[in-house]
C-alpha atoms as a PDB file:
ATOM      1  CA  MET A   1     -38.995  24.572   9.699  1.00  0.00           C
ATOM      2  CA  VAL A   2     -35.531  24.230   8.242  1.00  0.00           C
ATOM      3  CA  SER A   3     -33.974  20.817   8.501  1.00  0.00           C
ATOM      4  CA  LYS A   4     -30.337  20.556   9.287  1.00  0.00           C
ATOM      5  CA  ALA A   5     -28.801  18.426   6.552  1.00  0.00           C
ATOM      6  CA  HIS A   6     -25.703  16.425   7.369  1.00  0.00           C
ATOM      7  CA  LYS A   7     -22.807  17.981   5.567  1.00  0.00           C
ATOM      8  CA  HIS A   8     -20.116  15.605   4.470  1.00  0.00           C
ATOM      9  CA  PRO A   9     -16.733  16.598   5.841  1.00  0.00           C
ATOM     10  CA  ASP A  10     -14.483  18.493   3.453  1.00  0.00           C
ATOM     11  CA  PHE A  11     -11.031  17.447   4.475  1.00  0.00           C
ATOM     12  CA  SER A  12      -9.230  18.861   1.456  1.00  0.00           C
ATOM     13  CA  ALA A  13      -8.205  22.151   3.107  1.00  0.00           C
ATOM     14  CA  LEU A  14      -6.578  20.383   6.045  1.00  0.00           C
ATOM     15  CA  SER A  15      -4.894  17.771   3.888  1.00  0.00           C
ATOM     16  CA  GLN A  16      -3.305  20.636   1.955  1.00  0.00           C
ATOM     17  CA  GLN A  17      -1.971  22.148   5.200  1.00  0.00           C
ATOM     18  CA  ILE A  18      -0.464  18.992   6.695  1.00  0.00           C
ATOM     19  CA  ASP A  19       2.317  17.346   4.733  1.00  0.00           C
ATOM     20  CA  PRO A  20       2.032  13.532   4.862  1.00  0.00           C
ATOM     21  CA  ALA A  21       5.806  13.468   5.446  1.00  0.00           C
ATOM     22  CA  TRP A  22       5.189  15.278   8.758  1.00  0.00           C
ATOM     23  CA  ILE A  23       2.824  12.501   9.805  1.00  0.00           C
ATOM     24  CA  ALA A  24       5.332   9.830   8.768  1.00  0.00           C
ATOM     25  CA  HIS A  25       8.040  11.637  10.753  1.00  0.00           C
ATOM     26  CA  ALA A  26       5.848  11.962  13.863  1.00  0.00           C
ATOM     27  CA  LEU A  27       5.027   8.250  13.698  1.00  0.00           C
ATOM     28  CA  ALA A  28       8.680   7.272  13.193  1.00  0.00           C
ATOM     29  CA  VAL A  29       9.950   9.476  16.037  1.00  0.00           C
ATOM     30  CA  THR A  30       7.360   8.071  18.449  1.00  0.00           C
ATOM     31  CA  GLY A  31       7.791   4.464  17.301  1.00  0.00           C
ATOM     32  CA  LYS A  32       4.163   4.218  16.195  1.00  0.00           C
ATOM     33  CA  ALA A  33       4.631   3.626  12.460  1.00  0.00           C
ATOM     34  CA  SER A  34       2.675   0.620  11.191  1.00  0.00           C
ATOM     35  CA  VAL A  35       4.963  -2.339  10.700  1.00  0.00           C
ATOM     36  CA  ARG A  36       2.380  -4.933   9.854  1.00  0.00           C
ATOM     37  CA  ARG A  37      -0.171  -4.479   7.106  1.00  0.00           C
ATOM     38  CA  ARG A  38      -3.432  -3.283   8.639  1.00  0.00           C
ATOM     39  CA  ARG A  39      -6.714  -2.161   7.148  1.00  0.00           C
ATOM     40  CA  LEU A  40      -6.291   1.065   9.074  1.00  0.00           C
ATOM     41  CA  PRO A  41      -2.549   1.885   9.180  1.00  0.00           C
ATOM     42  CA  ALA A  42      -1.137   4.395  11.653  1.00  0.00           C
ATOM     43  CA  GLU A  43      -0.923   7.137   9.009  1.00  0.00           C
ATOM     44  CA  GLN A  44      -4.629   6.796   8.339  1.00  0.00           C
ATOM     45  CA  VAL A  45      -5.432   6.727  12.050  1.00  0.00           C
ATOM     46  CA  VAL A  46      -3.712  10.108  12.452  1.00  0.00           C
ATOM     47  CA  TRP A  47      -5.956  11.524   9.709  1.00  0.00           C
ATOM     48  CA  LEU A  48      -8.956   9.892  11.402  1.00  0.00           C
ATOM     49  CA  VAL A  49      -8.188  11.488  14.772  1.00  0.00           C
ATOM     50  CA  ILE A  50      -7.770  14.900  13.142  1.00  0.00           C
ATOM     51  CA  ALA A  51     -11.027  14.464  11.214  1.00  0.00           C
ATOM     52  CA  LEU A  52     -12.902  13.331  14.314  1.00  0.00           C
ATOM     53  CA  ALA A  53     -11.735  16.427  16.153  1.00  0.00           C
ATOM     54  CA  MET A  54     -12.915  18.642  13.313  1.00  0.00           C
ATOM     55  CA  TYR A  55     -16.189  16.825  12.655  1.00  0.00           C
ATOM     56  CA  ARG A  56     -17.059  15.635  16.143  1.00  0.00           C
ATOM     57  CA  HIS A  57     -20.788  15.804  15.445  1.00  0.00           C
ATOM     58  CA  GLN A  58     -20.528  13.341  12.551  1.00  0.00           C
ATOM     59  CA  PRO A  59     -20.821   9.603  13.185  1.00  0.00           C
ATOM     60  CA  ILE A  60     -17.375   7.998  13.203  1.00  0.00           C
ATOM     61  CA  PRO A  61     -18.189   5.392  10.502  1.00  0.00           C
ATOM     62  CA  GLU A  62     -19.464   8.205   8.256  1.00  0.00           C
ATOM     63  CA  VAL A  63     -16.222  10.157   8.649  1.00  0.00           C
ATOM     64  CA  VAL A  64     -14.178   7.029   7.930  1.00  0.00           C
ATOM     65  CA  ALA A  65     -16.247   6.126   4.871  1.00  0.00           C
ATOM     66  CA  HIS A  66     -16.287   9.634   3.442  1.00  0.00           C
ATOM     67  CA  LEU A  67     -12.549  10.103   3.866  1.00  0.00           C
ATOM     68  CA  ASP A  68     -11.834   6.643   2.448  1.00  0.00           C
ATOM     69  CA  LEU A  69      -9.318   5.892   5.196  1.00  0.00           C
ATOM     70  CA  VAL A  70      -9.668   2.111   5.381  1.00  0.00           C
ATOM     71  CA  LEU A  71      -7.647  -0.022   3.015  1.00  0.00           C
ATOM     72  CA  PRO A  72      -9.872  -2.196   0.819  1.00  0.00           C
ATOM     73  CA  ASP A  73     -10.796  -5.702   1.867  1.00  0.00           C
ATOM     74  CA  GLU A  74     -13.037  -7.588  -0.535  1.00  0.00           C
ATOM     75  CA  VAL A  75     -14.067 -10.144   2.093  1.00  0.00           C
ATOM     76  CA  ASN A  76     -15.049  -7.590   4.787  1.00  0.00           C
ATOM     77  CA  PRO A  77     -15.702  -4.210   3.158  1.00  0.00           C
ATOM     78  CA  GLU A  78     -17.004  -2.665   6.409  1.00  0.00           C
ATOM     79  CA  ILE A  79     -14.826  -1.983   9.419  1.00  0.00           C
ATOM     80  CA  ALA A  80     -16.166  -2.512  12.919  1.00  0.00           C
ATOM     81  CA  LYS A  81     -16.481   0.451  15.273  1.00  0.00           C
ATOM     82  CA  SER A  82     -14.420  -1.521  17.774  1.00  0.00           C
ATOM     83  CA  ALA A  83     -11.578  -1.721  15.231  1.00  0.00           C
ATOM     84  CA  LEU A  84     -11.617   2.090  14.969  1.00  0.00           C
ATOM     85  CA  THR A  85     -11.440   2.433  18.747  1.00  0.00           C
ATOM     86  CA  GLN A  86      -8.609  -0.109  18.947  1.00  0.00           C
ATOM     87  CA  ALA A  87      -6.710   1.711  16.183  1.00  0.00           C
ATOM     88  CA  ARG A  88      -6.983   5.019  18.046  1.00  0.00           C
ATOM     89  CA  GLN A  89      -5.847   3.384  21.297  1.00  0.00           C
ATOM     90  CA  ARG A  90      -2.941   1.688  19.527  1.00  0.00           C
ATOM     91  CA  LEU A  91      -1.837   5.033  18.088  1.00  0.00           C
ATOM     92  CA  GLY A  92      -1.934   6.857  21.420  1.00  0.00           C
ATOM     93  CA  GLU A  93      -1.417  10.579  21.834  1.00  0.00           C
ATOM     94  CA  GLU A  94       2.337  10.811  21.257  1.00  0.00           C
ATOM     95  CA  PRO A  95       2.290  11.051  17.427  1.00  0.00           C
ATOM     96  CA  LEU A  96      -0.288  13.840  17.509  1.00  0.00           C
ATOM     97  CA  ALA A  97       1.650  15.702  20.196  1.00  0.00           C
ATOM     98  CA  GLN A  98       4.766  15.356  18.032  1.00  0.00           C
ATOM     99  CA  LEU A  99       2.904  16.476  14.912  1.00  0.00           C
ATOM    100  CA  PHE A 100       1.302  19.548  16.446  1.00  0.00           C
ATOM    101  CA  GLY A 101       3.923  20.322  19.115  1.00  0.00           C
END
């Protein structure tokens, strides 16, 4: 019996194909750029949504941790799953439609 080991996502190929300036532009055009300092800024949420689409069988916290998307916070090093959901809802679909349209 062969066990199916969890492979950690390798996001390097995608991050080489998508220019961070494109993400910044998509966020600016749609008015979704992060104004206030958040642990998970809009730019990072875009990467998260892309990663979740690519690695949909991986647990969300694992994808977030492996991709190091959350800004450090010494008091609360972990981020709640609800914060990830809220960040995705706050972002909405417009920036991704702009980015990939």
